[in-house]
Amino acid sequence: MPFDGAGVSGNDALAAVLFLGAINETMQAYGTLNSSPWTAESFGADDRRAAALKEYVAHAVVFSMGTAALAAWIAHGRKATWSILAGAALVNIYLVWLYMRASRRGRDAGDSSWSNG
């Protein structure tokens, strides 16, 4: 059965777009401030690099949640506010987990080679 949009208000559609925008901006923050989980895993075996990774992940969380909070304030609607903040928070939770897992894997691999065997 095709979706005909019945029962969807303009506010609902806008909230969905803002949710997707918050997810995209959070992903962009990580892409800009970190190279990739692969890089973190492949080159993060030593303490200095692991600490640097955690610092950049923290920057990404603060930046993405700050921009999400600003967008939520600009939108200033209950549904829009929660859509924006929830989208950014969910992606942050996932990406922090992903980068910390990559960091653990890199440390477990050691520094005798540049990647896992």
Protein backbone atom coordinates (compact mmCIF):
# COMPACT_ATOMS: atom_id res chain seq x y z
CA MET A 1 0.00 0.00 0.00
CA PRO A 2 1.63 3.31 -1.03
CA PHE A 3 2.08 6.06 1.51
CA ASP A 4 -0.20 8.96 0.56
CA GLY A 5 0.89 11.41 3.28
CA ALA A 6 -2.57 11.54 4.84
CA GLY A 7 -2.41 12.70 8.42
CA VAL A 8 1.08 14.20 8.12
CA SER A 9 1.19 17.85 9.07
CA GLY A 10 3.72 20.39 7.87
CA ASN A 11 5.19 20.39 11.37
CA ASP A 12 5.62 16.61 11.29
CA ALA A 13 7.39 16.78 7.94
CA LEU A 14 9.61 19.61 9.13
CA ALA A 15 10.45 17.68 12.29
CA ALA A 16 11.48 14.69 10.17
CA VAL A 17 13.71 16.89 7.99
CA LEU A 18 15.26 18.49 11.07
CA PHE A 19 15.87 15.02 12.57
CA LEU A 20 17.69 13.97 9.39
CA GLY A 21 19.60 17.26 9.34
CA ALA A 22 20.76 16.73 12.93
CA ILE A 23 21.97 13.24 12.04
CA ASN A 24 23.80 14.59 8.99
CA GLU A 25 25.48 17.40 10.90
CA THR A 26 26.61 15.00 13.61
CA MET A 27 28.10 12.68 10.98
CA GLN A 28 29.81 15.67 9.34
CA ALA A 29 31.36 16.69 12.66
CA TYR A 30 32.94 13.28 13.08
CA GLY A 31 34.06 13.16 9.46
CA THR A 32 35.70 16.55 9.83
CA LEU A 33 37.24 16.12 13.27
CA ASN A 34 38.23 12.45 12.98
CA SER A 35 39.43 10.60 9.97
CA SER A 36 37.51 7.33 10.41
CA PRO A 37 37.08 4.42 12.81
CA TRP A 38 39.39 2.48 10.47
CA THR A 39 42.14 5.05 10.99
CA ALA A 40 41.58 4.99 14.75
CA GLU A 41 41.87 1.21 14.77
CA SER A 42 44.82 1.03 12.40
CA PHE A 43 46.98 3.75 13.95
CA GLY A 44 45.75 4.07 17.54
CA ALA A 45 47.90 1.51 19.31
CA ASP A 46 49.92 3.93 21.45
CA ASP A 47 48.76 6.01 24.41
CA ARG A 48 49.33 9.38 22.73
CA ARG A 49 47.20 8.53 19.71
CA ALA A 50 44.48 6.97 21.86
CA ALA A 51 44.34 10.15 23.97
CA ALA A 52 44.22 12.30 20.82
CA LEU A 53 41.34 10.21 19.48
CA LYS A 54 39.36 10.71 22.70
CA GLU A 55 40.03 14.45 22.54
CA TYR A 56 38.75 14.72 18.96
CA VAL A 57 35.71 12.58 19.74
CA ALA A 58 34.93 14.96 22.61
CA HIS A 59 35.30 17.93 20.23
CA ALA A 60 32.89 16.26 17.80
CA VAL A 61 30.30 15.62 20.54
CA VAL A 62 30.48 19.19 21.84
CA PHE A 63 30.38 20.70 18.35
CA SER A 64 27.53 18.54 17.09
CA MET A 65 25.41 18.97 20.21
CA GLY A 66 26.10 22.72 20.21
CA THR A 67 24.96 23.08 16.61
CA ALA A 68 21.96 20.83 17.33
CA ALA A 69 21.03 22.98 20.34
CA LEU A 70 21.31 26.12 18.21
CA ALA A 71 19.12 24.57 15.51
CA ALA A 72 16.60 23.50 18.16
CA TRP A 73 16.51 27.03 19.55
CA ILE A 74 15.99 28.50 16.06
CA ALA A 75 13.19 26.01 15.32
CA HIS A 76 11.68 26.56 18.82
CA GLY A 77 8.90 24.05 18.46
CA ARG A 78 8.49 21.18 20.89
CA LYS A 79 8.57 18.46 18.21
CA ALA A 80 11.32 20.17 16.23
CA THR A 81 13.46 20.72 19.33
CA TRP A 82 13.22 17.10 20.42
CA SER A 83 13.71 15.79 16.87
CA ILE A 84 16.92 17.77 16.44
CA LEU A 85 18.37 16.96 19.86
CA ALA A 86 17.36 13.29 19.72
CA GLY A 87 18.84 12.85 16.25
CA ALA A 88 22.17 14.35 17.26
CA ALA A 89 22.27 12.48 20.58
CA LEU A 90 21.50 9.09 19.02
CA VAL A 91 24.21 9.46 16.40
CA ASN A 92 26.69 10.70 19.02
CA ILE A 93 26.03 7.64 21.18
CA TYR A 94 26.61 5.35 18.21
CA LEU A 95 29.75 7.12 16.98
CA VAL A 96 31.35 7.40 20.43
CA TRP A 97 30.80 3.66 20.85
CA LEU A 98 32.22 2.98 17.35
CA TYR A 99 35.35 5.09 17.86
CA MET A 100 36.03 3.71 21.34
CA ARG A 101 35.69 0.17 19.98
CA ALA A 102 38.11 1.04 17.18
CA SER A 103 40.54 2.47 19.72
CA ARG A 104 40.37 -0.72 21.82
CA ARG A 105 40.96 -2.84 18.74
CA GLY A 106 43.96 -0.72 17.77
CA ARG A 107 45.45 -1.04 21.23
CA ASP A 108 44.80 -4.79 21.22
CA ALA A 109 46.59 -5.10 17.85
CA GLY A 110 49.65 -3.37 19.27
CA ASP A 111 52.13 -1.24 17.41
CA SER A 112 54.20 -3.92 15.70
CA SER A 113 52.35 -3.37 12.42
CA TRP A 114 50.04 -0.74 11.02
CA SER A 115 46.91 -2.91 10.94
CA ASN A 116 45.32 -5.96 12.48
CA GLY A 117 46.55 -9.30 11.19
